[in-house]
Amino acid sequence: MQDFSRSAYLTGPVFGATPELVPSAIRILGIDPGLRRTGWGMIASAGNALSFIATGTIRAPLDGELAQRLVALHAGLTAIVRDYAPNEAAVEQTFVNRDATATLKLGQARGIALLVPALAGLSVAEYAPNAVKKTIVGAGHAEKAQIRAMVRVLLPRAEFDGDDSADALAVAICHAHHRRAAAVRFVSQSAQG
């Protein structure tokens, strides 16, 4: 039997602190799904303040069958949800490219990224890659280096091991921004009617 525990697939350092936070903060898990590497990032959002909690990358076995890769992603994300107890989750939508087979396989990994937080009872938001880039950098076609730089500006204590975990933090930041905007619209509409 293969080991699908947290330590088996969270390779490299998990950056950040323990999951303890100010009780009023909303903990948001951002996920950048991939079949080889799924980035994840956890932030806290309290009003306009964002705080870095942790980030890392789940690495699936490269030589295994697709089903085994999906099991590894499921086990890794399940451990993160259990260990960090997020209140909400956000997942980046699949970028459709010319290779239909690759897009379909990525969609299956994305399905795991949606399923795990939903099974834990979390609301799960989805954001297009261009929406994440526009929220973080101000331009929908930003480069990876620009995203990493802005994540460091918005979360000065953030440490990450590569583009996947930086992108996951960007997804979490995007969700924090959009959930605040939705709350403002709701309050505004409630006051008018």
Protein backbone atom coordinates (compact mmCIF):
# COMPACT_ATOMS: atom_id res chain seq x y z
CA MET A 1 0.00 0.00 0.00
CA GLN A 2 1.36 3.41 -0.90
CA ASP A 3 1.80 6.14 1.69
CA PHE A 4 -0.62 8.97 0.93
CA SER A 5 0.03 10.86 4.14
CA ARG A 6 0.78 14.56 4.28
CA SER A 7 4.54 14.07 4.43
CA ALA A 8 4.58 11.86 1.34
CA TYR A 9 3.49 14.61 -1.04
CA LEU A 10 4.24 17.94 0.59
CA THR A 11 7.79 18.00 -0.63
CA GLY A 12 10.11 20.82 0.17
CA PRO A 13 9.54 23.22 3.00
CA VAL A 14 6.10 24.32 4.06
CA PHE A 15 6.60 28.02 4.56
CA GLY A 16 4.82 29.88 7.28
CA ALA A 17 3.71 29.58 10.83
CA THR A 18 1.28 27.45 12.74
CA PRO A 19 -2.40 27.86 11.85
CA GLU A 20 -3.23 29.96 14.94
CA LEU A 21 -4.57 33.41 14.08
CA VAL A 22 -6.62 36.27 15.36
CA PRO A 23 -10.10 34.73 15.83
CA SER A 24 -11.93 37.38 13.75
CA ALA A 25 -9.84 36.76 10.64
CA ILE A 26 -11.17 34.67 7.77
CA ARG A 27 -8.69 32.01 6.68
CA ILE A 28 -8.62 31.58 2.91
CA LEU A 29 -7.02 28.66 1.12
CA GLY A 30 -5.89 29.44 -2.43
CA ILE A 31 -5.21 26.53 -4.76
CA ASP A 32 -3.34 26.50 -8.08
CA PRO A 33 -4.15 23.00 -9.39
CA GLY A 34 -1.80 20.92 -11.48
CA LEU A 35 -1.18 17.23 -12.09
CA ARG A 36 2.51 17.38 -11.26
CA ARG A 37 2.51 20.24 -8.77
CA THR A 38 -0.46 21.77 -7.00
CA GLY A 39 0.38 25.00 -5.23
CA TRP A 40 -1.49 26.02 -2.11
CA GLY A 41 -1.41 29.16 -0.02
CA MET A 42 -3.19 30.14 3.16
CA ILE A 43 -3.84 33.74 4.16
CA ALA A 44 -5.93 35.51 6.76
CA SER A 45 -8.19 38.38 5.84
CA ALA A 46 -9.49 40.77 8.51
CA GLY A 47 -11.12 43.81 6.93
CA ASN A 48 -8.55 45.26 4.55
CA ALA A 49 -5.61 43.57 6.29
CA LEU A 50 -4.09 40.45 4.77
CA SER A 51 -1.70 38.14 6.63
CA PHE A 52 0.41 35.28 5.38
CA ILE A 53 -0.10 31.96 7.14
CA ALA A 54 1.56 29.23 5.08
CA THR A 55 2.20 27.94 1.60
CA GLY A 56 3.65 24.94 -0.15
CA THR A 57 3.45 22.58 -3.09
CA ILE A 58 1.89 19.15 -3.33
CA ARG A 59 3.93 17.01 -5.69
CA ALA A 60 2.29 13.99 -7.29
CA PRO A 61 4.37 11.03 -8.46
CA LEU A 62 5.50 11.62 -12.04
CA ASP A 63 5.68 7.95 -12.95
CA GLY A 64 2.33 6.84 -11.57
CA GLU A 65 -0.97 6.35 -13.29
CA LEU A 66 -3.33 9.31 -13.49
CA ALA A 67 -5.52 7.81 -10.77
CA GLN A 68 -2.54 7.61 -8.38
CA ARG A 69 -1.64 11.24 -9.07
CA LEU A 70 -5.20 12.27 -8.24
CA VAL A 71 -5.09 10.24 -5.02
CA ALA A 72 -1.86 12.03 -4.06
CA LEU A 73 -3.42 15.45 -4.72
CA HIS A 74 -6.51 14.48 -2.72
CA ALA A 75 -4.43 13.25 0.23
CA GLY A 76 -2.23 16.35 0.24
CA LEU A 77 -5.10 18.82 0.04
CA THR A 78 -7.08 16.89 2.65
CA ALA A 79 -4.15 17.16 5.06
CA ILE A 80 -3.84 20.92 4.43
CA VAL A 81 -7.55 21.50 5.05
CA ARG A 82 -7.34 19.41 8.22
CA ASP A 83 -4.16 21.05 9.52
CA TYR A 84 -4.93 24.70 8.69
CA ALA A 85 -8.75 24.75 9.03
CA PRO A 86 -9.57 27.34 6.34
CA ASN A 87 -12.94 29.11 6.37
CA GLU A 88 -13.14 29.48 2.58
CA ALA A 89 -11.28 28.28 -0.49
CA ALA A 90 -10.56 29.63 -3.95
CA VAL A 91 -9.35 27.68 -6.98
CA GLU A 92 -7.89 28.94 -10.22
CA GLN A 93 -9.91 27.94 -13.28
CA THR A 94 -8.34 25.82 -15.99
CA PHE A 95 -6.58 27.67 -18.77
CA VAL A 96 -7.73 26.04 -22.00
CA ASN A 97 -4.88 25.51 -24.41
CA ARG A 98 -4.44 23.82 -27.78
CA ASP A 99 -3.70 20.41 -26.26
CA ALA A 100 -7.16 19.07 -25.43
CA THR A 101 -5.78 15.99 -23.64
CA ALA A 102 -3.60 18.09 -21.32
CA THR A 103 -6.50 20.44 -20.62
CA LEU A 104 -8.77 17.51 -19.78
CA LYS A 105 -6.19 16.02 -17.39
CA LEU A 106 -5.66 19.38 -15.71
CA GLY A 107 -9.42 19.61 -15.33
CA GLN A 108 -9.36 16.37 -13.38
CA ALA A 109 -6.76 17.78 -10.99
CA ARG A 110 -8.89 20.89 -10.68
CA GLY A 111 -11.84 18.66 -9.79
CA ILE A 112 -9.87 17.34 -6.81
CA ALA A 113 -9.02 20.94 -5.83
CA LEU A 114 -12.73 21.78 -5.82
CA LEU A 115 -13.84 18.54 -4.17
CA VAL A 116 -11.60 18.50 -1.09
CA PRO A 117 -12.65 21.88 0.38
CA ALA A 118 -16.28 21.25 -0.61
CA LEU A 119 -16.24 17.94 1.28
CA ALA A 120 -14.97 19.87 4.31
CA GLY A 121 -18.04 22.12 4.09
CA LEU A 122 -16.21 25.18 2.73
CA SER A 123 -17.54 27.53 0.10
CA VAL A 124 -15.27 27.36 -2.94
CA ALA A 125 -14.86 30.28 -5.33
CA GLU A 126 -13.34 30.01 -8.78
CA TYR A 127 -11.31 32.66 -10.60
CA ALA A 128 -10.03 32.84 -14.15
CA PRO A 129 -6.24 33.23 -14.45
CA ASN A 130 -6.66 36.69 -16.03
CA ALA A 131 -8.92 37.81 -13.15
CA VAL A 132 -6.28 36.74 -10.62
CA LYS A 133 -3.53 38.57 -12.53
CA LYS A 134 -5.65 41.70 -12.90
CA THR A 135 -6.48 41.71 -9.19
CA ILE A 136 -2.87 41.20 -8.10
CA VAL A 137 -0.88 43.12 -10.72
CA GLY A 138 -3.48 45.33 -12.39
CA ALA A 139 -3.07 43.69 -15.79
CA GLY A 140 -4.72 40.49 -17.03
CA HIS A 141 -1.64 39.34 -18.90
CA ALA A 142 1.01 39.74 -16.20
CA GLU A 143 4.14 37.60 -16.15
CA LYS A 144 4.96 35.11 -13.38
CA ALA A 145 7.74 37.38 -12.06
CA GLN A 146 5.27 40.26 -11.69
CA ILE A 147 2.86 38.05 -9.74
CA ARG A 148 5.64 36.87 -7.38
CA ALA A 149 6.76 40.47 -6.83
CA MET A 150 3.26 41.73 -6.03
CA VAL A 151 2.52 38.80 -3.72
CA ARG A 152 5.67 39.79 -1.81
CA VAL A 153 4.43 43.39 -1.63
CA LEU A 154 0.93 42.39 -0.47
CA LEU A 155 2.21 39.71 1.92
CA PRO A 156 5.67 40.89 3.05
CA ARG A 157 6.26 37.86 5.28
CA ALA A 158 5.35 35.38 2.56
CA GLU A 159 7.91 32.82 1.52
CA PHE A 160 7.26 30.39 -1.29
CA ASP A 161 9.14 27.70 -3.13
CA GLY A 162 8.15 28.60 -6.69
CA ASP A 163 5.50 29.79 -9.08
CA ASP A 164 2.88 27.24 -8.00
CA SER A 165 2.75 28.34 -4.38
CA ALA A 166 3.06 32.04 -5.35
CA ASP A 167 0.14 31.60 -7.76
CA ALA A 168 -1.89 29.91 -5.02
CA LEU A 169 -1.28 32.87 -2.70
CA ALA A 170 -2.37 35.16 -5.56
CA VAL A 171 -5.62 33.17 -5.89
CA ALA A 172 -6.24 33.56 -2.14
CA ILE A 173 -5.54 37.32 -2.31
CA CYS A 174 -7.87 37.63 -5.30
CA HIS A 175 -10.62 35.93 -3.32
CA ALA A 176 -10.05 38.17 -0.30
CA HIS A 177 -10.39 41.22 -2.55
CA HIS A 178 -13.51 39.98 -4.33
CA ARG A 179 -15.26 38.83 -1.16
CA ARG A 180 -14.73 42.30 0.36
CA ALA A 181 -16.11 43.93 -2.80
CA ALA A 182 -19.15 41.64 -2.70
CA ALA A 183 -19.75 42.49 0.98
CA VAL A 184 -19.60 46.21 0.21
CA ARG A 185 -22.09 45.77 -2.66
CA PHE A 186 -24.41 43.77 -0.36
CA VAL A 187 -24.33 46.41 2.39
CA SER A 188 -24.87 49.14 -0.18
CA GLN A 189 -27.86 47.36 -1.74
CA SER A 190 -29.35 46.58 1.67
CA ALA A 191 -29.16 50.25 2.69
CA GLN A 192 -30.94 51.32 -0.50
CA GLY A 193 -33.79 48.90 -0.34
